[in-house]
Amino acid sequence: MQNTTFPKSLKKGDKIAIISPAGSVEIPQLEKTLELIKSKGYEPILGENLYTQYQNGYSYAGTEKQRINDINWALNDPEISAVWASRGGYGCQHLLQDLKLTEFKKNPKWYIGYSDNTVIQSYLLKKGFGSIHGQTIKTSSFGVTEESYELIFDILKGKKINYKIGSNANNRVGETSGILVGGNLALIYALLGTPYSFDFKGKILFIEDIGENFYALDRMIMSLELAGIFKKIKGLIIGGMTNMGSETDNKEYEESFDSFAFQLIADRVSKYVFPTVFAFPNGHIYDNRPLIIGSEINLKVGKEVKIQF
């Protein structure tokens, strides 16, 4: 079994690097969470290119070199105790071939983010380090639950997190344990066949996504099946599936948990026997509660769902 290294707990006064590894952000979008970090007793340290904007078919937070410099600084500076991504979007794949962990290995730190940050978290886990799949800094600017952030601070302080949620008609009952991998489905799909893809054997897989046509969602799930991933995993957790299909035609377009998307996934994995959870509160949704990638979890699916870290 893989041994995952987790960072030490943070203490008051510790510094948290804030970087933009993918899409660009504006100052007002980050103010609320930066103040929250300060109110918790930590010091946010802004990356040099946090607010840089670089247009190249997409609004990136700087050139690839600028973003690589920022993330390598944040990961390796011994004065930094955690690294928190400002947002996702697109661009983290650009960084993978140039990531450095020389000093990070001596002093591991939490990396916090979701969406496009899944590729960074996959890279870190391949190197043996856990991370937090949870809210980015920008997310609070358009409203999220307080628990979404409070639970991240609990993890940073070293507290254990456990979840208990209601059942879903698509769930498959059972109990299993294993290391949690995954994140945004589109990025898991994008890394298949590369050296940076998660190792799925014996793992519990988490997936979530936003803004996909239903055929594109099916294509990604089909690719996981063709890659043999569903034969390797011990459990499956499906989080938010929102803004799926056409806004005009889909009555559930704004819902966090799209029932047709769930049914599509359920049909694809129906031949497999692992415990399956639908509608876990994590993803591009209002109630986005953190998960610890690389952590050993116990998953129990029955009349209710229990996830213990």
C-alpha atoms as a PDB file:
ATOM      1  CA  MET A   1       0.000   0.000   0.000  1.00  0.00           C
ATOM      2  CA  GLN A   2       1.211   3.475  -0.858  1.00  0.00           C
ATOM      3  CA  ASN A   3       2.544   5.533   2.023  1.00  0.00           C
ATOM      4  CA  THR A   4       1.221   9.083   1.802  1.00  0.00           C
ATOM      5  CA  THR A   5       2.989  11.911   3.595  1.00  0.00           C
ATOM      6  CA  PHE A   6       0.807  14.634   5.084  1.00  0.00           C
ATOM      7  CA  PRO A   7       1.987  18.082   6.168  1.00  0.00           C
ATOM      8  CA  LYS A   8       2.312  19.089   9.789  1.00  0.00           C
ATOM      9  CA  SER A   9      -0.469  21.147  11.337  1.00  0.00           C
ATOM     10  CA  LEU A  10      -0.391  24.914  10.995  1.00  0.00           C
ATOM     11  CA  LYS A  11      -0.109  27.250  13.946  1.00  0.00           C
ATOM     12  CA  LYS A  12      -1.099  30.879  14.393  1.00  0.00           C
ATOM     13  CA  GLY A  13       1.161  33.212  12.463  1.00  0.00           C
ATOM     14  CA  ASP A  14       2.056  30.663   9.787  1.00  0.00           C
ATOM     15  CA  LYS A  15       2.245  31.926   6.210  1.00  0.00           C
ATOM     16  CA  ILE A  16      -0.028  30.698   3.432  1.00  0.00           C
ATOM     17  CA  ALA A  17       1.087  31.363  -0.143  1.00  0.00           C
ATOM     18  CA  ILE A  18      -1.697  32.491  -2.479  1.00  0.00           C
ATOM     19  CA  ILE A  19      -0.989  31.745  -6.140  1.00  0.00           C
ATOM     20  CA  SER A  20      -2.814  31.641  -9.475  1.00  0.00           C
ATOM     21  CA  PRO A  21      -1.563  28.530 -11.294  1.00  0.00           C
ATOM     22  CA  ALA A  22      -4.195  28.652 -14.034  1.00  0.00           C
ATOM     23  CA  GLY A  23      -6.824  31.297 -14.856  1.00  0.00           C
ATOM     24  CA  SER A  24      -6.529  34.990 -14.026  1.00  0.00           C
ATOM     25  CA  VAL A  25      -8.285  36.693 -11.128  1.00  0.00           C
ATOM     26  CA  GLU A  26      -9.055  40.248 -10.052  1.00  0.00           C
ATOM     27  CA  ILE A  27      -8.431  41.812  -6.648  1.00  0.00           C
ATOM     28  CA  PRO A  28     -12.101  42.072  -5.529  1.00  0.00           C
ATOM     29  CA  GLN A  29     -12.616  38.352  -6.147  1.00  0.00           C
ATOM     30  CA  LEU A  30     -10.080  37.369  -3.484  1.00  0.00           C
ATOM     31  CA  GLU A  31     -10.615  39.987  -0.785  1.00  0.00           C
ATOM     32  CA  LYS A  32     -13.208  38.074   1.246  1.00  0.00           C
ATOM     33  CA  THR A  33     -11.177  34.871   1.628  1.00  0.00           C
ATOM     34  CA  LEU A  34      -7.909  36.721   2.212  1.00  0.00           C
ATOM     35  CA  GLU A  35      -9.585  38.494   5.130  1.00  0.00           C
ATOM     36  CA  LEU A  36     -10.911  35.153   6.376  1.00  0.00           C
ATOM     37  CA  ILE A  37      -7.389  33.709   6.354  1.00  0.00           C
ATOM     38  CA  LYS A  38      -6.148  36.672   8.378  1.00  0.00           C
ATOM     39  CA  SER A  39      -9.039  36.314  10.841  1.00  0.00           C
ATOM     40  CA  LYS A  40      -7.927  32.736  11.499  1.00  0.00           C
ATOM     41  CA  GLY A  41      -4.480  33.962  12.524  1.00  0.00           C
ATOM     42  CA  TYR A  42      -2.549  33.129   9.363  1.00  0.00           C
ATOM     43  CA  GLU A  43      -0.631  35.440   7.064  1.00  0.00           C
ATOM     44  CA  PRO A  44      -1.475  35.286   3.354  1.00  0.00           C
ATOM     45  CA  ILE A  45       1.589  35.862   1.190  1.00  0.00           C
ATOM     46  CA  LEU A  46       0.669  36.857  -2.351  1.00  0.00           C
ATOM     47  CA  GLY A  47       2.506  35.305  -5.274  1.00  0.00           C
ATOM     48  CA  GLU A  48       4.272  37.739  -7.574  1.00  0.00           C
ATOM     49  CA  ASN A  49       1.904  36.953 -10.448  1.00  0.00           C
ATOM     50  CA  LEU A  50      -1.273  36.412  -8.442  1.00  0.00           C
ATOM     51  CA  TYR A  51      -3.105  39.162 -10.360  1.00  0.00           C
ATOM     52  CA  THR A  52      -1.189  38.987 -13.633  1.00  0.00           C
ATOM     53  CA  GLN A  53      -3.273  38.622 -16.794  1.00  0.00           C
ATOM     54  CA  TYR A  54      -1.917  37.058 -19.947  1.00  0.00           C
ATOM     55  CA  GLN A  55      -4.111  36.489 -22.999  1.00  0.00           C
ATOM     56  CA  ASN A  56      -3.215  33.498 -25.140  1.00  0.00           C
ATOM     57  CA  GLY A  57      -6.494  31.970 -26.243  1.00  0.00           C
ATOM     58  CA  TYR A  58      -7.522  32.111 -22.578  1.00  0.00           C
ATOM     59  CA  SER A  59      -6.997  34.602 -19.775  1.00  0.00           C
ATOM     60  CA  TYR A  60      -4.126  33.045 -17.827  1.00  0.00           C
ATOM     61  CA  ALA A  61      -2.584  34.415 -14.644  1.00  0.00           C
ATOM     62  CA  GLY A  62       0.693  35.056 -16.421  1.00  0.00           C
ATOM     63  CA  THR A  63       2.827  33.224 -18.927  1.00  0.00           C
ATOM     64  CA  GLU A  64       3.718  29.608 -18.286  1.00  0.00           C
ATOM     65  CA  LYS A  65       7.109  30.721 -16.968  1.00  0.00           C
ATOM     66  CA  GLN A  66       5.535  33.231 -14.577  1.00  0.00           C
ATOM     67  CA  ARG A  67       3.086  30.676 -13.213  1.00  0.00           C
ATOM     68  CA  ILE A  68       5.784  28.007 -12.907  1.00  0.00           C
ATOM     69  CA  ASN A  69       7.985  30.437 -10.978  1.00  0.00           C
ATOM     70  CA  ASP A  70       5.144  31.236  -8.587  1.00  0.00           C
ATOM     71  CA  ILE A  71       4.174  27.648  -7.826  1.00  0.00           C
ATOM     72  CA  ASN A  72       7.777  26.506  -7.388  1.00  0.00           C
ATOM     73  CA  TRP A  73       8.399  29.412  -5.015  1.00  0.00           C
ATOM     74  CA  ALA A  74       5.275  28.577  -3.012  1.00  0.00           C
ATOM     75  CA  LEU A  75       6.007  24.850  -2.794  1.00  0.00           C
ATOM     76  CA  ASN A  76       9.653  25.210  -1.839  1.00  0.00           C
ATOM     77  CA  ASP A  77       9.995  28.377   0.244  1.00  0.00           C
ATOM     78  CA  PRO A  78      10.711  27.165   3.822  1.00  0.00           C
ATOM     79  CA  GLU A  79       8.786  30.114   5.286  1.00  0.00           C
ATOM     80  CA  ILE A  80       5.550  29.014   3.610  1.00  0.00           C
ATOM     81  CA  SER A  81       3.346  26.523   5.495  1.00  0.00           C
ATOM     82  CA  ALA A  82       0.539  25.974   2.953  1.00  0.00           C
ATOM     83  CA  VAL A  83      -0.262  26.832  -0.654  1.00  0.00           C
ATOM     84  CA  TRP A  84      -3.779  27.920  -1.630  1.00  0.00           C
ATOM     85  CA  ALA A  85      -4.820  28.327  -5.261  1.00  0.00           C
ATOM     86  CA  SER A  86      -6.794  31.439  -6.134  1.00  0.00           C
ATOM     87  CA  ARG A  87      -8.903  29.550  -8.680  1.00  0.00           C
ATOM     88  CA  GLY A  88      -8.882  26.816 -11.305  1.00  0.00           C
ATOM     89  CA  GLY A  89      -9.976  27.332 -14.892  1.00  0.00           C
ATOM     90  CA  TYR A  90      -7.304  26.040 -17.206  1.00  0.00           C
ATOM     91  CA  GLY A  91      -3.509  26.053 -17.181  1.00  0.00           C
ATOM     92  CA  CYS A  92      -2.220  23.748 -14.452  1.00  0.00           C
ATOM     93  CA  GLN A  93      -1.193  21.125 -17.003  1.00  0.00           C
ATOM     94  CA  HIS A  94       1.354  23.618 -18.337  1.00  0.00           C
ATOM     95  CA  LEU A  95       3.247  23.404 -15.053  1.00  0.00           C
ATOM     96  CA  LEU A  96       3.636  19.662 -14.527  1.00  0.00           C
ATOM     97  CA  GLN A  97       6.882  19.114 -16.409  1.00  0.00           C
ATOM     98  CA  ASP A  98       8.645  21.913 -14.519  1.00  0.00           C
ATOM     99  CA  LEU A  99       7.442  21.406 -10.960  1.00  0.00           C
ATOM    100  CA  LYS A 100      10.224  21.222  -8.371  1.00  0.00           C
ATOM    101  CA  LEU A 101       9.852  19.557  -4.979  1.00  0.00           C
ATOM    102  CA  THR A 102      13.435  19.708  -3.706  1.00  0.00           C
ATOM    103  CA  GLU A 103      12.687  21.728  -0.563  1.00  0.00           C
ATOM    104  CA  PHE A 104       9.043  20.662  -0.433  1.00  0.00           C
ATOM    105  CA  LYS A 105      10.122  17.096   0.285  1.00  0.00           C
ATOM    106  CA  LYS A 106      11.986  18.328   3.365  1.00  0.00           C
ATOM    107  CA  ASN A 107       9.019  20.378   4.566  1.00  0.00           C
ATOM    108  CA  PRO A 108       5.760  19.179   2.963  1.00  0.00           C
ATOM    109  CA  LYS A 109       2.859  21.638   2.971  1.00  0.00           C
ATOM    110  CA  TRP A 110      -0.824  21.460   2.172  1.00  0.00           C
ATOM    111  CA  TYR A 111      -1.831  22.349  -1.374  1.00  0.00           C
ATOM    112  CA  ILE A 112      -5.463  23.532  -1.460  1.00  0.00           C
ATOM    113  CA  GLY A 113      -7.711  23.805  -4.488  1.00  0.00           C
ATOM    114  CA  TYR A 114     -10.014  21.965  -6.850  1.00  0.00           C
ATOM    115  CA  SER A 115     -11.153  22.016 -10.495  1.00  0.00           C
ATOM    116  CA  ASP A 116      -8.040  22.453 -12.696  1.00  0.00           C
ATOM    117  CA  ASN A 117      -5.873  22.018  -9.576  1.00  0.00           C
ATOM    118  CA  THR A 118      -6.687  18.294  -9.764  1.00  0.00           C
ATOM    119  CA  VAL A 119      -3.615  17.861 -11.987  1.00  0.00           C
ATOM    120  CA  ILE A 120      -1.328  19.394  -9.345  1.00  0.00           C
ATOM    121  CA  GLN A 121      -2.852  17.148  -6.710  1.00  0.00           C
ATOM    122  CA  SER A 122      -2.401  14.106  -8.936  1.00  0.00           C
ATOM    123  CA  TYR A 123       1.267  15.060  -9.410  1.00  0.00           C
ATOM    124  CA  LEU A 124       1.781  15.479  -5.665  1.00  0.00           C
ATOM    125  CA  LEU A 125       0.189  12.134  -4.871  1.00  0.00           C
ATOM    126  CA  LYS A 126       2.381  10.399  -7.457  1.00  0.00           C
ATOM    127  CA  LYS A 127       5.274  11.792  -5.426  1.00  0.00           C
ATOM    128  CA  GLY A 128       3.688  10.540  -2.200  1.00  0.00           C
ATOM    129  CA  PHE A 129       2.078  13.716  -0.786  1.00  0.00           C
ATOM    130  CA  GLY A 130      -1.525  14.366   0.207  1.00  0.00           C
ATOM    131  CA  SER A 131      -3.504  17.518  -0.568  1.00  0.00           C
ATOM    132  CA  ILE A 132      -6.861  19.176   0.094  1.00  0.00           C
ATOM    133  CA  HIS A 133      -9.492  19.063  -2.640  1.00  0.00           C
ATOM    134  CA  GLY A 134     -11.578  22.045  -1.527  1.00  0.00           C
ATOM    135  CA  GLN A 135     -12.516  25.639  -2.089  1.00  0.00           C
ATOM    136  CA  THR A 136     -10.241  28.039  -3.891  1.00  0.00           C
ATOM    137  CA  ILE A 137      -9.739  31.629  -2.724  1.00  0.00           C
ATOM    138  CA  LYS A 138     -12.017  33.086  -5.399  1.00  0.00           C
ATOM    139  CA  THR A 139     -15.004  30.861  -4.671  1.00  0.00           C
ATOM    140  CA  SER A 140     -16.293  32.894  -1.728  1.00  0.00           C
ATOM    141  CA  SER A 141     -16.806  35.912  -3.994  1.00  0.00           C
ATOM    142  CA  PHE A 142     -19.953  34.307  -5.414  1.00  0.00           C
ATOM    143  CA  GLY A 143     -21.193  32.624  -2.247  1.00  0.00           C
ATOM    144  CA  VAL A 144     -20.553  29.247  -0.605  1.00  0.00           C
ATOM    145  CA  THR A 145     -21.400  27.588   2.697  1.00  0.00           C
ATOM    146  CA  GLU A 146     -19.365  28.620   5.729  1.00  0.00           C
ATOM    147  CA  GLU A 147     -18.534  24.961   6.330  1.00  0.00           C
ATOM    148  CA  SER A 148     -16.763  24.844   2.969  1.00  0.00           C
ATOM    149  CA  TYR A 149     -13.977  26.980   4.389  1.00  0.00           C
ATOM    150  CA  GLU A 150     -14.244  26.133   8.084  1.00  0.00           C
ATOM    151  CA  LEU A 151     -13.546  22.470   7.392  1.00  0.00           C
ATOM    152  CA  ILE A 152     -10.422  23.416   5.431  1.00  0.00           C
ATOM    153  CA  PHE A 153      -9.142  25.345   8.432  1.00  0.00           C
ATOM    154  CA  ASP A 154      -9.972  22.329  10.608  1.00  0.00           C
ATOM    155  CA  ILE A 155      -7.757  20.163   8.381  1.00  0.00           C
ATOM    156  CA  LEU A 156      -4.966  22.747   8.495  1.00  0.00           C
ATOM    157  CA  LYS A 157      -5.145  22.625  12.295  1.00  0.00           C
ATOM    158  CA  GLY A 158      -4.813  18.844  12.249  1.00  0.00           C
ATOM    159  CA  LYS A 159      -8.418  17.932  13.070  1.00  0.00           C
ATOM    160  CA  LYS A 160      -9.961  14.741  11.725  1.00  0.00           C
ATOM    161  CA  ILE A 161     -12.915  15.129   9.384  1.00  0.00           C
ATOM    162  CA  ASN A 162     -15.723  12.620   8.926  1.00  0.00           C
ATOM    163  CA  TYR A 163     -18.884  12.884   6.867  1.00  0.00           C
ATOM    164  CA  LYS A 164     -22.373  11.497   7.169  1.00  0.00           C
ATOM    165  CA  ILE A 165     -24.829  12.193   4.347  1.00  0.00           C
ATOM    166  CA  GLY A 166     -28.195  10.891   3.217  1.00  0.00           C
ATOM    167  CA  SER A 167     -28.726   8.122   0.708  1.00  0.00           C
ATOM    168  CA  ASN A 168     -29.301   8.494  -3.027  1.00  0.00           C
ATOM    169  CA  ALA A 169     -31.394   6.199  -5.191  1.00  0.00           C
ATOM    170  CA  ASN A 170     -28.386   5.461  -7.400  1.00  0.00           C
ATOM    171  CA  ASN A 171     -26.098   4.407  -4.544  1.00  0.00           C
ATOM    172  CA  ARG A 172     -24.734   0.888  -4.359  1.00  0.00           C
ATOM    173  CA  VAL A 173     -24.486  -0.378  -0.787  1.00  0.00           C
ATOM    174  CA  GLY A 174     -21.375  -1.867   0.720  1.00  0.00           C
ATOM    175  CA  GLU A 175     -18.335  -1.072   2.804  1.00  0.00           C
ATOM    176  CA  THR A 176     -14.736  -0.651   1.725  1.00  0.00           C
ATOM    177  CA  SER A 177     -11.552   1.180   2.591  1.00  0.00           C
ATOM    178  CA  GLY A 178      -8.699   2.553   0.546  1.00  0.00           C
ATOM    179  CA  ILE A 179      -6.746   5.638  -0.442  1.00  0.00           C
ATOM    180  CA  LEU A 180      -8.854   8.446  -1.891  1.00  0.00           C
ATOM    181  CA  VAL A 181      -7.869   9.719  -5.343  1.00  0.00           C
ATOM    182  CA  GLY A 182      -9.536  11.904  -7.933  1.00  0.00           C
ATOM    183  CA  GLY A 183     -11.075  15.328  -8.339  1.00  0.00           C
ATOM    184  CA  ASN A 184     -12.409  16.994 -11.462  1.00  0.00           C
ATOM    185  CA  LEU A 185     -13.413  14.352 -14.002  1.00  0.00           C
ATOM    186  CA  ALA A 186     -12.284  16.373 -17.032  1.00  0.00           C
ATOM    187  CA  LEU A 187      -8.757  16.585 -15.621  1.00  0.00           C
ATOM    188  CA  ILE A 188      -8.648  12.945 -14.549  1.00  0.00           C
ATOM    189  CA  TYR A 189      -9.631  12.166 -18.137  1.00  0.00           C
ATOM    190  CA  ALA A 190      -7.038  14.600 -19.533  1.00  0.00           C
ATOM    191  CA  LEU A 191      -4.220  12.887 -17.605  1.00  0.00           C
ATOM    192  CA  LEU A 192      -5.043   9.328 -18.679  1.00  0.00           C
ATOM    193  CA  GLY A 193      -2.055   7.726 -20.346  1.00  0.00           C
ATOM    194  CA  THR A 194       0.401  10.307 -19.000  1.00  0.00           C
ATOM    195  CA  PRO A 195       3.018   9.850 -16.258  1.00  0.00           C
ATOM    196  CA  TYR A 196       0.968  12.239 -14.087  1.00  0.00           C
ATOM    197  CA  SER A 197      -2.236  10.209 -13.910  1.00  0.00           C
ATOM    198  CA  PHE A 198      -3.403   8.832 -10.572  1.00  0.00           C
ATOM    199  CA  ASP A 199      -2.604   5.216  -9.741  1.00  0.00           C
ATOM    200  CA  PHE A 200      -6.122   3.786  -9.431  1.00  0.00           C
ATOM    201  CA  LYS A 201      -5.349   0.253  -8.283  1.00  0.00           C
ATOM    202  CA  GLY A 202      -7.086  -0.498  -4.990  1.00  0.00           C
ATOM    203  CA  LYS A 203      -8.158   3.128  -4.583  1.00  0.00           C
ATOM    204  CA  ILE A 204     -11.472   4.871  -3.922  1.00  0.00           C
ATOM    205  CA  LEU A 205     -12.171   7.300  -6.765  1.00  0.00           C
ATOM    206  CA  PHE A 206     -13.906  10.667  -6.383  1.00  0.00           C
ATOM    207  CA  ILE A 207     -15.228  12.565  -9.426  1.00  0.00           C
ATOM    208  CA  GLU A 208     -17.101  15.840  -9.981  1.00  0.00           C
ATOM    209  CA  ASP A 209     -17.650  18.145 -12.946  1.00  0.00           C
ATOM    210  CA  ILE A 210     -19.347  21.227 -14.350  1.00  0.00           C
ATOM    211  CA  GLY A 211     -20.505  22.535 -17.701  1.00  0.00           C
ATOM    212  CA  GLU A 212     -20.250  19.376 -19.791  1.00  0.00           C
ATOM    213  CA  ASN A 213     -22.610  18.178 -22.496  1.00  0.00           C
ATOM    214  CA  PHE A 214     -24.075  14.849 -21.535  1.00  0.00           C
ATOM    215  CA  TYR A 215     -22.352  13.088 -24.428  1.00  0.00           C
ATOM    216  CA  ALA A 216     -19.012  14.542 -23.263  1.00  0.00           C
ATOM    217  CA  LEU A 217     -19.666  13.276 -19.742  1.00  0.00           C
ATOM    218  CA  ASP A 218     -20.422   9.837 -21.160  1.00  0.00           C
ATOM    219  CA  ARG A 219     -17.264   9.967 -23.279  1.00  0.00           C
ATOM    220  CA  MET A 220     -15.104  10.633 -20.208  1.00  0.00           C
ATOM    221  CA  ILE A 221     -16.749   7.882 -18.166  1.00  0.00           C
ATOM    222  CA  MET A 222     -16.408   5.549 -21.163  1.00  0.00           C
ATOM    223  CA  SER A 223     -12.695   6.385 -21.355  1.00  0.00           C
ATOM    224  CA  LEU A 224     -12.253   5.449 -17.697  1.00  0.00           C
ATOM    225  CA  GLU A 225     -13.920   2.137 -18.435  1.00  0.00           C
ATOM    226  CA  LEU A 226     -11.797   1.488 -21.525  1.00  0.00           C
ATOM    227  CA  ALA A 227      -8.694   2.278 -19.468  1.00  0.00           C
ATOM    228  CA  GLY A 228      -9.732  -0.450 -17.021  1.00  0.00           C
ATOM    229  CA  ILE A 229     -10.099   1.949 -14.092  1.00  0.00           C
ATOM    230  CA  PHE A 230     -13.440   0.572 -12.885  1.00  0.00           C
ATOM    231  CA  LYS A 231     -11.842  -2.862 -12.637  1.00  0.00           C
ATOM    232  CA  LYS A 232      -9.113  -1.438 -10.411  1.00  0.00           C
ATOM    233  CA  ILE A 233     -10.954   0.744  -7.889  1.00  0.00           C
ATOM    234  CA  LYS A 234     -12.593  -0.368  -4.636  1.00  0.00           C
ATOM    235  CA  GLY A 235     -15.214   2.369  -4.426  1.00  0.00           C
ATOM    236  CA  LEU A 236     -16.632   5.373  -6.279  1.00  0.00           C
ATOM    237  CA  ILE A 237     -17.839   8.731  -4.940  1.00  0.00           C
ATOM    238  CA  ILE A 238     -19.644  11.145  -7.256  1.00  0.00           C
ATOM    239  CA  GLY A 239     -19.884  14.761  -6.192  1.00  0.00           C
ATOM    240  CA  GLY A 240     -21.385  17.775  -7.915  1.00  0.00           C
ATOM    241  CA  MET A 241     -22.582  17.457 -11.489  1.00  0.00           C
ATOM    242  CA  THR A 242     -23.910  20.892 -12.388  1.00  0.00           C
ATOM    243  CA  ASN A 243     -24.573  23.099 -15.428  1.00  0.00           C
ATOM    244  CA  MET A 244     -24.766  19.957 -17.507  1.00  0.00           C
ATOM    245  CA  GLY A 245     -26.180  19.807 -21.009  1.00  0.00           C
ATOM    246  CA  SER A 246     -28.098  22.796 -22.368  1.00  0.00           C
ATOM    247  CA  GLU A 247     -29.329  25.578 -20.087  1.00  0.00           C
ATOM    248  CA  THR A 248     -32.366  25.903 -22.342  1.00  0.00           C
ATOM    249  CA  ASP A 249     -33.310  22.228 -22.322  1.00  0.00           C
ATOM    250  CA  ASN A 250     -32.150  20.985 -18.924  1.00  0.00           C
ATOM    251  CA  LYS A 251     -34.547  21.876 -16.094  1.00  0.00           C
ATOM    252  CA  GLU A 252     -31.880  20.832 -13.573  1.00  0.00           C
ATOM    253  CA  TYR A 253     -29.143  22.977 -15.137  1.00  0.00           C
ATOM    254  CA  GLU A 254     -28.604  25.027 -11.964  1.00  0.00           C
ATOM    255  CA  GLU A 255     -28.905  22.079  -9.601  1.00  0.00           C
ATOM    256  CA  SER A 256     -25.812  20.785  -7.810  1.00  0.00           C
ATOM    257  CA  PHE A 257     -26.680  17.159  -8.487  1.00  0.00           C
ATOM    258  CA  ASP A 258     -28.037  16.562 -11.977  1.00  0.00           C
ATOM    259  CA  SER A 259     -30.210  13.441 -11.955  1.00  0.00           C
ATOM    260  CA  PHE A 260     -29.639  12.566 -15.623  1.00  0.00           C
ATOM    261  CA  ALA A 261     -25.881  12.857 -15.200  1.00  0.00           C
ATOM    262  CA  PHE A 262     -26.132  10.570 -12.182  1.00  0.00           C
ATOM    263  CA  GLN A 263     -28.225   8.049 -14.105  1.00  0.00           C
ATOM    264  CA  LEU A 264     -25.759   8.096 -16.984  1.00  0.00           C
ATOM    265  CA  ILE A 265     -22.867   7.326 -14.635  1.00  0.00           C
ATOM    266  CA  ALA A 266     -24.879   4.721 -12.729  1.00  0.00           C
ATOM    267  CA  ASP A 267     -25.690   2.883 -15.969  1.00  0.00           C
ATOM    268  CA  ARG A 268     -22.027   2.835 -17.012  1.00  0.00           C
ATOM    269  CA  VAL A 269     -20.802   1.357 -13.718  1.00  0.00           C
ATOM    270  CA  SER A 270     -23.739  -0.996 -13.160  1.00  0.00           C
ATOM    271  CA  LYS A 271     -21.668  -4.049 -14.118  1.00  0.00           C
ATOM    272  CA  TYR A 272     -19.187  -3.418 -11.290  1.00  0.00           C
ATOM    273  CA  VAL A 273     -19.711  -4.354  -7.645  1.00  0.00           C
ATOM    274  CA  PHE A 274     -17.894  -1.658  -5.666  1.00  0.00           C
ATOM    275  CA  PRO A 275     -19.781   0.596  -3.207  1.00  0.00           C
ATOM    276  CA  THR A 276     -20.905   3.770  -4.953  1.00  0.00           C
ATOM    277  CA  VAL A 277     -21.995   7.121  -3.529  1.00  0.00           C
ATOM    278  CA  PHE A 278     -23.855   9.798  -5.435  1.00  0.00           C
ATOM    279  CA  ALA A 279     -24.431  13.437  -4.406  1.00  0.00           C
ATOM    280  CA  PHE A 280     -21.444  13.923  -2.113  1.00  0.00           C
ATOM    281  CA  PRO A 281     -21.150  17.665  -1.330  1.00  0.00           C
ATOM    282  CA  ASN A 282     -17.917  18.495  -3.128  1.00  0.00           C
ATOM    283  CA  GLY A 283     -17.391  20.121  -6.493  1.00  0.00           C
ATOM    284  CA  HIS A 284     -18.377  23.280  -8.359  1.00  0.00           C
ATOM    285  CA  ILE A 285     -21.344  23.701  -6.047  1.00  0.00           C
ATOM    286  CA  TYR A 286     -22.554  25.909  -3.206  1.00  0.00           C
ATOM    287  CA  ASP A 287     -21.763  23.330  -0.525  1.00  0.00           C
ATOM    288  CA  ASN A 288     -18.238  22.227  -1.451  1.00  0.00           C
ATOM    289  CA  ARG A 289     -16.805  20.358   1.526  1.00  0.00           C
ATOM    290  CA  PRO A 290     -13.137  19.385   1.452  1.00  0.00           C
ATOM    291  CA  LEU A 291     -11.715  15.947   0.806  1.00  0.00           C
ATOM    292  CA  ILE A 292      -8.162  14.838   1.560  1.00  0.00           C
ATOM    293  CA  ILE A 293      -6.596  13.349  -1.541  1.00  0.00           C
ATOM    294  CA  GLY A 294      -4.188  10.576  -0.616  1.00  0.00           C
ATOM    295  CA  SER A 295      -5.871   9.823   2.699  1.00  0.00           C
ATOM    296  CA  GLU A 296      -6.949   6.339   3.726  1.00  0.00           C
ATOM    297  CA  ILE A 297     -10.730   6.423   4.127  1.00  0.00           C
ATOM    298  CA  ASN A 298     -13.431   4.015   5.212  1.00  0.00           C
ATOM    299  CA  LEU A 299     -16.542   4.197   3.067  1.00  0.00           C
ATOM    300  CA  LYS A 300     -19.810   2.709   4.301  1.00  0.00           C
ATOM    301  CA  VAL A 301     -22.883   2.942   2.071  1.00  0.00           C
ATOM    302  CA  GLY A 302     -26.267   1.899   3.461  1.00  0.00           C
ATOM    303  CA  LYS A 303     -29.368   3.775   4.576  1.00  0.00           C
ATOM    304  CA  GLU A 304     -26.920   6.621   5.080  1.00  0.00           C
ATOM    305  CA  VAL A 305     -23.375   7.212   3.870  1.00  0.00           C
ATOM    306  CA  LYS A 306     -20.409   7.465   6.231  1.00  0.00           C
ATOM    307  CA  ILE A 307     -16.928   8.525   5.168  1.00  0.00           C
ATOM    308  CA  GLN A 308     -14.214   8.361   7.813  1.00  0.00           C
ATOM    309  CA  PHE A 309     -10.712   9.732   7.279  1.00  0.00           C
END
